[in-house]
Amino acid sequence: IRDDDFDDVIGQLKGLRPVDIADAIELVEPEGLWRLLERLPKRAEIFSYLKAEQQVELSSLFPRAILVKIISEMPADERTDLFKRIDQGLRDALFPALAQAERENIRKLSAYVEGTAGALMTSDYAMHRQDMTAAEAHSSLRREAPDAETIYHAYVTDDERTLIGVVSLRELILAHPAKQIKDLMISDLVSGYVDDDQENIAKRIARYDLIALPITDNFGHLVGIVTHDDARDVASEEATDDFHKSAGVTTSLGNMKRARTSLLYRKRVFWLVLLVF
């Protein structure tokens, strides 16, 4: 990378999955990293797997035109998370360059309180009307698939976007083309509210073995979904937090690898002495 031999670097990374590429390039200096990222395919997906602090640092280095393209290609929830982390000056510079729909999406998702389902959910989901036929639903999914987080389940709403059911891709494939969605959907579905705690949402997804959980507002209108991978991340964070607390090390320590020995000692000495006795 220092010698500007990006063809060789890309050749070495060819065939790796985005998450593995993100691990492989994690230690590259930021200046070289953004120059590499702009040349890689699936750069938005690779970028989303980088650590949060790296994303923020790279955002300040990327030329605006390239950063706008990457942000536009990111899933709605990850795009919003990045906007929350970068400084106000950069947000003000990027906002006018984004499409109107993307700007509105960021505003809506940013409005939800941290730690709630609303702050965790994405608005990239597949949706059908109950009076559509299976053939019409197929056509709709083809159009929505590039932007949807998942198409294995599509959510059925009425004219006011009230959630009334869910239909699986399997049911659509097996159904007669003329059969209506209202005859295929499951109306007794599990859902959550925007104000629900993220940990409870994660537990609900695990309990019912769901690919995604639909999220509604207090009026029953569908506003987003929480996917199983986001729920898994929440469960992992909660487990790590519980482990730190049980060890007498609170999450306020930040990164334990960077904490001084004296700080770790002060935080843990009481519990260590208690356990000795």
C-alpha atoms as a PDB file:
ATOM      1  CA  ILE A   1       0.000   0.000   0.000  1.00  0.00           C
ATOM      2  CA  ARG A   2       2.889   2.377   0.807  1.00  0.00           C
ATOM      3  CA  ASP A   3       4.235   1.650  -2.707  1.00  0.00           C
ATOM      4  CA  ASP A   4       0.817   2.284  -4.277  1.00  0.00           C
ATOM      5  CA  ASP A   5       0.677  -1.331  -5.489  1.00  0.00           C
ATOM      6  CA  PHE A   6      -3.063  -1.669  -4.931  1.00  0.00           C
ATOM      7  CA  ASP A   7      -3.496  -4.279  -7.669  1.00  0.00           C
ATOM      8  CA  ASP A   8      -1.336  -6.686  -5.682  1.00  0.00           C
ATOM      9  CA  VAL A   9      -3.238  -5.960  -2.454  1.00  0.00           C
ATOM     10  CA  ILE A  10      -6.616  -6.459  -4.130  1.00  0.00           C
ATOM     11  CA  GLY A  11      -5.300  -9.698  -5.651  1.00  0.00           C
ATOM     12  CA  GLN A  12      -4.377 -10.985  -2.188  1.00  0.00           C
ATOM     13  CA  LEU A  13      -7.794 -10.078  -0.800  1.00  0.00           C
ATOM     14  CA  LYS A  14      -9.697 -11.537  -3.745  1.00  0.00           C
ATOM     15  CA  GLY A  15     -12.045 -14.327  -2.711  1.00  0.00           C
ATOM     16  CA  LEU A  16     -12.248 -13.281   0.945  1.00  0.00           C
ATOM     17  CA  ARG A  17     -15.576 -12.380   2.507  1.00  0.00           C
ATOM     18  CA  PRO A  18     -16.128  -8.741   3.551  1.00  0.00           C
ATOM     19  CA  VAL A  19     -15.808  -9.525   7.277  1.00  0.00           C
ATOM     20  CA  ASP A  20     -12.469 -11.292   6.663  1.00  0.00           C
ATOM     21  CA  ILE A  21     -11.223  -8.405   4.514  1.00  0.00           C
ATOM     22  CA  ALA A  22     -12.111  -5.996   7.338  1.00  0.00           C
ATOM     23  CA  ASP A  23     -10.024  -8.112   9.747  1.00  0.00           C
ATOM     24  CA  ALA A  24      -7.132  -8.311   7.281  1.00  0.00           C
ATOM     25  CA  ILE A  25      -6.907  -4.546   6.711  1.00  0.00           C
ATOM     26  CA  GLU A  26      -7.664  -3.500  10.282  1.00  0.00           C
ATOM     27  CA  LEU A  27      -4.052  -2.572  11.099  1.00  0.00           C
ATOM     28  CA  VAL A  28      -3.418  -0.589   7.910  1.00  0.00           C
ATOM     29  CA  GLU A  29      -2.702   3.098   8.521  1.00  0.00           C
ATOM     30  CA  PRO A  30      -5.854   5.236   8.008  1.00  0.00           C
ATOM     31  CA  GLU A  31      -4.341   7.156   5.083  1.00  0.00           C
ATOM     32  CA  GLY A  32      -3.664   3.947   3.165  1.00  0.00           C
ATOM     33  CA  LEU A  33      -6.857   2.313   4.357  1.00  0.00           C
ATOM     34  CA  TRP A  34      -9.261   4.764   2.735  1.00  0.00           C
ATOM     35  CA  ARG A  35      -7.257   4.668  -0.505  1.00  0.00           C
ATOM     36  CA  LEU A  36      -7.600   0.883  -0.478  1.00  0.00           C
ATOM     37  CA  LEU A  37     -11.276   0.892   0.435  1.00  0.00           C
ATOM     38  CA  GLU A  38     -12.262   3.138  -2.448  1.00  0.00           C
ATOM     39  CA  ARG A  39     -10.808   0.522  -4.841  1.00  0.00           C
ATOM     40  CA  LEU A  40     -12.424  -2.566  -3.290  1.00  0.00           C
ATOM     41  CA  PRO A  41     -15.744  -4.087  -4.347  1.00  0.00           C
ATOM     42  CA  LYS A  42     -18.412  -4.261  -1.603  1.00  0.00           C
ATOM     43  CA  ARG A  43     -16.606  -1.392   0.129  1.00  0.00           C
ATOM     44  CA  ALA A  44     -19.684  -0.324   2.104  1.00  0.00           C
ATOM     45  CA  GLU A  45     -20.076  -3.807   3.564  1.00  0.00           C
ATOM     46  CA  ILE A  46     -16.360  -3.994   4.411  1.00  0.00           C
ATOM     47  CA  PHE A  47     -16.534  -0.520   5.960  1.00  0.00           C
ATOM     48  CA  SER A  48     -19.468  -1.566   8.161  1.00  0.00           C
ATOM     49  CA  TYR A  49     -17.387  -4.409   9.656  1.00  0.00           C
ATOM     50  CA  LEU A  50     -14.611  -2.054  10.777  1.00  0.00           C
ATOM     51  CA  LYS A  51     -14.570  -0.915  14.399  1.00  0.00           C
ATOM     52  CA  ALA A  52     -16.662   2.140  15.235  1.00  0.00           C
ATOM     53  CA  GLU A  53     -13.654   4.321  16.030  1.00  0.00           C
ATOM     54  CA  GLN A  54     -12.030   3.363  12.713  1.00  0.00           C
ATOM     55  CA  GLN A  55     -15.190   4.259  10.825  1.00  0.00           C
ATOM     56  CA  VAL A  56     -15.219   7.701  12.427  1.00  0.00           C
ATOM     57  CA  GLU A  57     -11.529   8.272  11.711  1.00  0.00           C
ATOM     58  CA  LEU A  58     -11.863   7.181   8.083  1.00  0.00           C
ATOM     59  CA  SER A  59     -14.955   9.334   7.613  1.00  0.00           C
ATOM     60  CA  SER A  60     -12.866  12.423   8.286  1.00  0.00           C
ATOM     61  CA  LEU A  61     -10.242  11.307   5.731  1.00  0.00           C
ATOM     62  CA  PHE A  62     -12.446  10.150   2.852  1.00  0.00           C
ATOM     63  CA  PRO A  63     -13.114  12.627   0.046  1.00  0.00           C
ATOM     64  CA  ARG A  64     -16.732  13.690   0.454  1.00  0.00           C
ATOM     65  CA  ALA A  65     -17.900  12.218  -2.874  1.00  0.00           C
ATOM     66  CA  ILE A  66     -16.562   8.759  -1.992  1.00  0.00           C
ATOM     67  CA  LEU A  67     -17.862   8.893   1.579  1.00  0.00           C
ATOM     68  CA  VAL A  68     -21.341   9.809   0.322  1.00  0.00           C
ATOM     69  CA  LYS A  69     -21.329   6.787  -2.013  1.00  0.00           C
ATOM     70  CA  ILE A  70     -20.284   4.453   0.816  1.00  0.00           C
ATOM     71  CA  ILE A  71     -22.893   5.845   3.200  1.00  0.00           C
ATOM     72  CA  SER A  72     -25.604   5.537   0.537  1.00  0.00           C
ATOM     73  CA  GLU A  73     -24.720   1.851   0.072  1.00  0.00           C
ATOM     74  CA  MET A  74     -24.851   1.074   3.809  1.00  0.00           C
ATOM     75  CA  PRO A  75     -27.958  -0.429   5.476  1.00  0.00           C
ATOM     76  CA  ALA A  76     -30.218   2.221   7.013  1.00  0.00           C
ATOM     77  CA  ASP A  77     -29.463   1.314  10.642  1.00  0.00           C
ATOM     78  CA  GLU A  78     -25.671   1.238  10.156  1.00  0.00           C
ATOM     79  CA  ARG A  79     -25.809   4.518   8.223  1.00  0.00           C
ATOM     80  CA  THR A  80     -27.680   6.152  11.101  1.00  0.00           C
ATOM     81  CA  ASP A  81     -25.245   4.766  13.702  1.00  0.00           C
ATOM     82  CA  LEU A  82     -22.331   6.261  11.766  1.00  0.00           C
ATOM     83  CA  PHE A  83     -24.053   9.655  11.569  1.00  0.00           C
ATOM     84  CA  LYS A  84     -24.550   9.636  15.324  1.00  0.00           C
ATOM     85  CA  ARG A  85     -20.832   9.077  15.891  1.00  0.00           C
ATOM     86  CA  ILE A  86     -19.277  11.601  13.482  1.00  0.00           C
ATOM     87  CA  ASP A  87     -18.977  15.265  14.468  1.00  0.00           C
ATOM     88  CA  GLN A  88     -21.622  17.845  13.640  1.00  0.00           C
ATOM     89  CA  GLY A  89     -19.485  19.632  11.059  1.00  0.00           C
ATOM     90  CA  LEU A  90     -19.062  16.487   8.967  1.00  0.00           C
ATOM     91  CA  ARG A  91     -22.772  15.674   9.304  1.00  0.00           C
ATOM     92  CA  ASP A  92     -23.671  19.141   8.017  1.00  0.00           C
ATOM     93  CA  ALA A  93     -21.312  18.676   5.052  1.00  0.00           C
ATOM     94  CA  LEU A  94     -22.646  15.231   4.120  1.00  0.00           C
ATOM     95  CA  PHE A  95     -26.371  15.749   4.619  1.00  0.00           C
ATOM     96  CA  PRO A  96     -27.058  17.880   1.515  1.00  0.00           C
ATOM     97  CA  ALA A  97     -25.250  15.332  -0.700  1.00  0.00           C
ATOM     98  CA  LEU A  98     -27.499  12.434   0.343  1.00  0.00           C
ATOM     99  CA  ALA A  99     -30.758  11.562  -1.368  1.00  0.00           C
ATOM    100  CA  GLN A 100     -33.919  12.975   0.189  1.00  0.00           C
ATOM    101  CA  ALA A 101     -35.145   9.523   1.260  1.00  0.00           C
ATOM    102  CA  GLU A 102     -31.826   8.783   2.970  1.00  0.00           C
ATOM    103  CA  ARG A 103     -31.878  12.103   4.843  1.00  0.00           C
ATOM    104  CA  GLU A 104     -35.412  11.502   6.085  1.00  0.00           C
ATOM    105  CA  ASN A 105     -34.498   7.977   7.099  1.00  0.00           C
ATOM    106  CA  ILE A 106     -31.546   9.188   9.171  1.00  0.00           C
ATOM    107  CA  ARG A 107     -33.702  11.824  10.882  1.00  0.00           C
ATOM    108  CA  LYS A 108     -36.373   9.284  11.831  1.00  0.00           C
ATOM    109  CA  LEU A 109     -34.010   6.593  13.127  1.00  0.00           C
ATOM    110  CA  SER A 110     -31.856   9.119  15.012  1.00  0.00           C
ATOM    111  CA  ALA A 111     -34.889  10.334  16.944  1.00  0.00           C
ATOM    112  CA  TYR A 112     -35.276   7.102  18.945  1.00  0.00           C
ATOM    113  CA  VAL A 113     -33.740   6.780  22.411  1.00  0.00           C
ATOM    114  CA  GLU A 114     -30.517   4.765  22.667  1.00  0.00           C
ATOM    115  CA  GLY A 115     -31.059   1.312  24.134  1.00  0.00           C
ATOM    116  CA  THR A 116     -34.557   0.953  22.656  1.00  0.00           C
ATOM    117  CA  ALA A 117     -35.780  -1.140  19.741  1.00  0.00           C
ATOM    118  CA  GLY A 118     -36.241   2.043  17.709  1.00  0.00           C
ATOM    119  CA  ALA A 119     -32.521   2.828  17.910  1.00  0.00           C
ATOM    120  CA  LEU A 120     -31.629  -0.745  16.895  1.00  0.00           C
ATOM    121  CA  MET A 121     -34.073  -1.341  14.044  1.00  0.00           C
ATOM    122  CA  THR A 122     -33.671  -0.800  10.301  1.00  0.00           C
ATOM    123  CA  SER A 123     -36.284   0.533   7.915  1.00  0.00           C
ATOM    124  CA  ASP A 124     -35.018  -1.657   5.040  1.00  0.00           C
ATOM    125  CA  TYR A 125     -37.698  -4.369   4.967  1.00  0.00           C
ATOM    126  CA  ALA A 126     -40.058  -5.987   2.464  1.00  0.00           C
ATOM    127  CA  MET A 127     -43.744  -5.137   2.701  1.00  0.00           C
ATOM    128  CA  HIS A 128     -46.916  -6.365   0.922  1.00  0.00           C
ATOM    129  CA  ARG A 129     -50.560  -5.353   0.812  1.00  0.00           C
ATOM    130  CA  GLN A 130     -53.063  -8.016   1.782  1.00  0.00           C
ATOM    131  CA  ASP A 131     -54.965  -7.736  -1.523  1.00  0.00           C
ATOM    132  CA  MET A 132     -51.857  -8.515  -3.635  1.00  0.00           C
ATOM    133  CA  THR A 133     -51.575 -11.852  -5.410  1.00  0.00           C
ATOM    134  CA  ALA A 134     -48.584 -14.153  -4.995  1.00  0.00           C
ATOM    135  CA  ALA A 135     -47.427 -13.206  -8.514  1.00  0.00           C
ATOM    136  CA  GLU A 136     -47.607  -9.492  -7.693  1.00  0.00           C
ATOM    137  CA  ALA A 137     -45.748 -10.108  -4.443  1.00  0.00           C
ATOM    138  CA  HIS A 138     -42.973 -11.887  -6.392  1.00  0.00           C
ATOM    139  CA  SER A 139     -42.568  -8.879  -8.661  1.00  0.00           C
ATOM    140  CA  SER A 140     -42.562  -6.543  -5.670  1.00  0.00           C
ATOM    141  CA  LEU A 141     -39.846  -8.571  -3.930  1.00  0.00           C
ATOM    142  CA  ARG A 142     -37.633  -8.431  -7.019  1.00  0.00           C
ATOM    143  CA  ARG A 143     -37.797  -4.646  -6.907  1.00  0.00           C
ATOM    144  CA  GLU A 144     -37.284  -4.401  -3.139  1.00  0.00           C
ATOM    145  CA  ALA A 145     -34.634  -7.123  -2.731  1.00  0.00           C
ATOM    146  CA  PRO A 146     -31.547  -4.938  -3.457  1.00  0.00           C
ATOM    147  CA  ASP A 147     -32.446  -2.538  -0.612  1.00  0.00           C
ATOM    148  CA  ALA A 148     -34.143  -4.866   1.898  1.00  0.00           C
ATOM    149  CA  GLU A 149     -32.218  -6.238   4.879  1.00  0.00           C
ATOM    150  CA  THR A 150     -33.995  -9.575   4.428  1.00  0.00           C
ATOM    151  CA  ILE A 151     -36.693 -10.852   2.053  1.00  0.00           C
ATOM    152  CA  TYR A 152     -37.261 -14.236   3.696  1.00  0.00           C
ATOM    153  CA  HIS A 153     -40.213 -12.682   5.473  1.00  0.00           C
ATOM    154  CA  ALA A 154     -42.353  -9.849   4.117  1.00  0.00           C
ATOM    155  CA  TYR A 155     -44.722  -7.926   6.353  1.00  0.00           C
ATOM    156  CA  VAL A 156     -48.355  -7.325   5.452  1.00  0.00           C
ATOM    157  CA  THR A 157     -49.942  -3.957   6.217  1.00  0.00           C
ATOM    158  CA  ASP A 158     -53.178  -2.161   5.468  1.00  0.00           C
ATOM    159  CA  ASP A 159     -53.493   1.244   3.775  1.00  0.00           C
ATOM    160  CA  GLU A 160     -52.419   3.001   6.995  1.00  0.00           C
ATOM    161  CA  ARG A 161     -49.316   0.771   7.379  1.00  0.00           C
ATOM    162  CA  THR A 162     -50.862  -1.053  10.346  1.00  0.00           C
ATOM    163  CA  LEU A 163     -49.123  -4.403  10.769  1.00  0.00           C
ATOM    164  CA  ILE A 164     -51.594  -7.236  10.194  1.00  0.00           C
ATOM    165  CA  GLY A 165     -49.482 -10.246   9.239  1.00  0.00           C
ATOM    166  CA  VAL A 166     -46.361 -11.801   7.809  1.00  0.00           C
ATOM    167  CA  VAL A 167     -45.766 -14.065   4.815  1.00  0.00           C
ATOM    168  CA  SER A 168     -42.644 -16.136   4.168  1.00  0.00           C
ATOM    169  CA  LEU A 169     -40.772 -16.401   0.898  1.00  0.00           C
ATOM    170  CA  ARG A 170     -41.358 -20.168   1.033  1.00  0.00           C
ATOM    171  CA  GLU A 171     -45.139 -19.664   1.065  1.00  0.00           C
ATOM    172  CA  LEU A 172     -44.928 -17.274  -1.879  1.00  0.00           C
ATOM    173  CA  ILE A 173     -42.864 -19.698  -3.954  1.00  0.00           C
ATOM    174  CA  LEU A 174     -45.199 -22.625  -3.290  1.00  0.00           C
ATOM    175  CA  ALA A 175     -48.453 -20.678  -3.674  1.00  0.00           C
ATOM    176  CA  HIS A 176     -50.596 -20.482  -6.809  1.00  0.00           C
ATOM    177  CA  PRO A 177     -49.768 -17.184  -8.604  1.00  0.00           C
ATOM    178  CA  ALA A 178     -53.399 -15.978  -8.293  1.00  0.00           C
ATOM    179  CA  LYS A 179     -53.681 -16.648  -4.548  1.00  0.00           C
ATOM    180  CA  GLN A 180     -53.952 -13.503  -2.433  1.00  0.00           C
ATOM    181  CA  ILE A 181     -51.555 -12.559   0.336  1.00  0.00           C
ATOM    182  CA  LYS A 182     -54.376 -12.397   2.911  1.00  0.00           C
ATOM    183  CA  ASP A 183     -54.887 -16.144   2.379  1.00  0.00           C
ATOM    184  CA  LEU A 184     -51.179 -16.914   2.771  1.00  0.00           C
ATOM    185  CA  MET A 185     -50.151 -14.656   5.646  1.00  0.00           C
ATOM    186  CA  ILE A 186     -49.887 -15.517   9.332  1.00  0.00           C
ATOM    187  CA  SER A 187     -51.806 -12.974  11.370  1.00  0.00           C
ATOM    188  CA  ASP A 188     -50.738 -14.281  14.789  1.00  0.00           C
ATOM    189  CA  LEU A 189     -47.195 -12.926  14.652  1.00  0.00           C
ATOM    190  CA  VAL A 190     -44.631 -11.861  17.258  1.00  0.00           C
ATOM    191  CA  SER A 191     -43.676  -8.168  17.206  1.00  0.00           C
ATOM    192  CA  GLY A 192     -42.136  -5.445  19.362  1.00  0.00           C
ATOM    193  CA  TYR A 193     -42.606  -1.738  20.096  1.00  0.00           C
ATOM    194  CA  VAL A 194     -40.172   1.093  19.373  1.00  0.00           C
ATOM    195  CA  ASP A 195     -39.812   1.821  23.108  1.00  0.00           C
ATOM    196  CA  ASP A 196     -39.022  -1.783  24.103  1.00  0.00           C
ATOM    197  CA  ASP A 197     -35.625  -2.415  25.673  1.00  0.00           C
ATOM    198  CA  GLN A 198     -33.088  -3.836  23.213  1.00  0.00           C
ATOM    199  CA  GLU A 199     -32.217  -6.730  25.504  1.00  0.00           C
ATOM    200  CA  ASN A 200     -35.871  -7.793  25.654  1.00  0.00           C
ATOM    201  CA  ILE A 201     -36.066  -7.606  21.859  1.00  0.00           C
ATOM    202  CA  ALA A 202     -32.985  -9.814  21.557  1.00  0.00           C
ATOM    203  CA  LYS A 203     -34.466 -12.350  23.975  1.00  0.00           C
ATOM    204  CA  ARG A 204     -37.740 -12.404  22.020  1.00  0.00           C
ATOM    205  CA  ILE A 205     -35.935 -13.089  18.753  1.00  0.00           C
ATOM    206  CA  ALA A 206     -33.933 -15.906  20.368  1.00  0.00           C
ATOM    207  CA  ARG A 207     -36.994 -17.388  22.117  1.00  0.00           C
ATOM    208  CA  TYR A 208     -39.061 -17.625  18.932  1.00  0.00           C
ATOM    209  CA  ASP A 209     -36.073 -18.355  16.647  1.00  0.00           C
ATOM    210  CA  LEU A 210     -36.891 -15.452  14.324  1.00  0.00           C
ATOM    211  CA  ILE A 211     -34.932 -14.123  11.359  1.00  0.00           C
ATOM    212  CA  ALA A 212     -36.293 -10.660  12.125  1.00  0.00           C
ATOM    213  CA  LEU A 213     -38.783  -9.057  14.502  1.00  0.00           C
ATOM    214  CA  PRO A 214     -41.200  -6.393  13.189  1.00  0.00           C
ATOM    215  CA  ILE A 215     -41.300  -3.194  15.239  1.00  0.00           C
ATOM    216  CA  THR A 216     -44.399  -1.005  15.497  1.00  0.00           C
ATOM    217  CA  ASP A 217     -45.204   2.348  17.045  1.00  0.00           C
ATOM    218  CA  ASN A 218     -47.851   2.771  19.754  1.00  0.00           C
ATOM    219  CA  PHE A 219     -50.578   2.863  17.101  1.00  0.00           C
ATOM    220  CA  GLY A 220     -49.594  -0.469  15.543  1.00  0.00           C
ATOM    221  CA  HIS A 221     -47.972   1.053  12.450  1.00  0.00           C
ATOM    222  CA  LEU A 222     -44.981  -0.858  11.088  1.00  0.00           C
ATOM    223  CA  VAL A 223     -41.872   1.333  11.380  1.00  0.00           C
ATOM    224  CA  GLY A 224     -38.981  -1.137  11.070  1.00  0.00           C
ATOM    225  CA  ILE A 225     -37.481  -4.538  11.843  1.00  0.00           C
ATOM    226  CA  VAL A 226     -34.716  -5.822  14.120  1.00  0.00           C
ATOM    227  CA  THR A 227     -32.719  -8.598  12.455  1.00  0.00           C
ATOM    228  CA  HIS A 228     -31.270 -11.627  14.233  1.00  0.00           C
ATOM    229  CA  ASP A 229     -27.665 -10.489  13.688  1.00  0.00           C
ATOM    230  CA  ASP A 230     -28.311  -7.147  15.380  1.00  0.00           C
ATOM    231  CA  ALA A 231     -30.069  -8.968  18.218  1.00  0.00           C
ATOM    232  CA  ARG A 232     -27.065 -11.285  18.570  1.00  0.00           C
ATOM    233  CA  ASP A 233     -24.759  -8.269  18.892  1.00  0.00           C
ATOM    234  CA  VAL A 234     -26.975  -6.860  21.666  1.00  0.00           C
ATOM    235  CA  ALA A 235     -26.956 -10.198  23.502  1.00  0.00           C
ATOM    236  CA  SER A 236     -23.164 -10.356  23.201  1.00  0.00           C
ATOM    237  CA  GLU A 237     -22.749  -6.819  24.568  1.00  0.00           C
ATOM    238  CA  GLU A 238     -25.064  -7.574  27.485  1.00  0.00           C
ATOM    239  CA  ALA A 239     -23.174 -10.774  28.291  1.00  0.00           C
ATOM    240  CA  THR A 240     -19.851  -8.890  28.224  1.00  0.00           C
ATOM    241  CA  ASP A 241     -21.298  -6.184  30.464  1.00  0.00           C
ATOM    242  CA  ASP A 242     -22.557  -8.785  32.952  1.00  0.00           C
ATOM    243  CA  PHE A 243     -19.151 -10.480  32.936  1.00  0.00           C
ATOM    244  CA  HIS A 244     -17.387  -7.192  33.701  1.00  0.00           C
ATOM    245  CA  LYS A 245     -19.762  -6.486  36.558  1.00  0.00           C
ATOM    246  CA  SER A 246     -19.318  -9.964  38.022  1.00  0.00           C
ATOM    247  CA  ALA A 247     -15.538  -9.458  37.876  1.00  0.00           C
ATOM    248  CA  GLY A 248     -15.802  -6.112  39.624  1.00  0.00           C
ATOM    249  CA  VAL A 249     -14.851  -4.210  36.461  1.00  0.00           C
ATOM    250  CA  THR A 250     -17.576  -1.865  35.274  1.00  0.00           C
ATOM    251  CA  THR A 251     -18.148  -0.911  31.632  1.00  0.00           C
ATOM    252  CA  SER A 252     -17.151   2.674  32.479  1.00  0.00           C
ATOM    253  CA  LEU A 253     -13.554   1.479  32.259  1.00  0.00           C
ATOM    254  CA  GLY A 254     -13.850   1.491  28.480  1.00  0.00           C
ATOM    255  CA  ASN A 255     -11.289  -0.721  26.758  1.00  0.00           C
ATOM    256  CA  MET A 256      -9.647  -2.917  29.412  1.00  0.00           C
ATOM    257  CA  LYS A 257      -6.573  -3.451  27.228  1.00  0.00           C
ATOM    258  CA  ARG A 258      -5.795   0.264  27.411  1.00  0.00           C
ATOM    259  CA  ALA A 259      -6.606   0.657  31.126  1.00  0.00           C
ATOM    260  CA  ARG A 260      -3.690   1.307  33.498  1.00  0.00           C
ATOM    261  CA  THR A 261      -2.755  -1.333  36.062  1.00  0.00           C
ATOM    262  CA  SER A 262      -3.429   1.112  38.901  1.00  0.00           C
ATOM    263  CA  LEU A 263      -6.959   1.727  37.605  1.00  0.00           C
ATOM    264  CA  LEU A 264      -7.694  -1.986  37.292  1.00  0.00           C
ATOM    265  CA  TYR A 265      -6.314  -2.503  40.808  1.00  0.00           C
ATOM    266  CA  ARG A 266      -8.563   0.178  42.343  1.00  0.00           C
ATOM    267  CA  LYS A 267     -11.620  -1.214  40.579  1.00  0.00           C
ATOM    268  CA  ARG A 268     -11.038  -4.820  41.575  1.00  0.00           C
ATOM    269  CA  VAL A 269      -9.151  -4.849  44.885  1.00  0.00           C
ATOM    270  CA  PHE A 270     -12.298  -4.791  47.051  1.00  0.00           C
ATOM    271  CA  TRP A 271     -13.804  -7.827  45.321  1.00  0.00           C
ATOM    272  CA  LEU A 272     -10.485  -9.699  45.323  1.00  0.00           C
ATOM    273  CA  VAL A 273     -10.000  -9.196  49.074  1.00  0.00           C
ATOM    274  CA  LEU A 274     -13.628 -10.175  49.727  1.00  0.00           C
ATOM    275  CA  LEU A 275     -13.221 -13.354  47.678  1.00  0.00           C
ATOM    276  CA  VAL A 276     -10.004 -14.288  49.530  1.00  0.00           C
ATOM    277  CA  PHE A 277     -11.887 -14.258  52.830  1.00  0.00           C
END
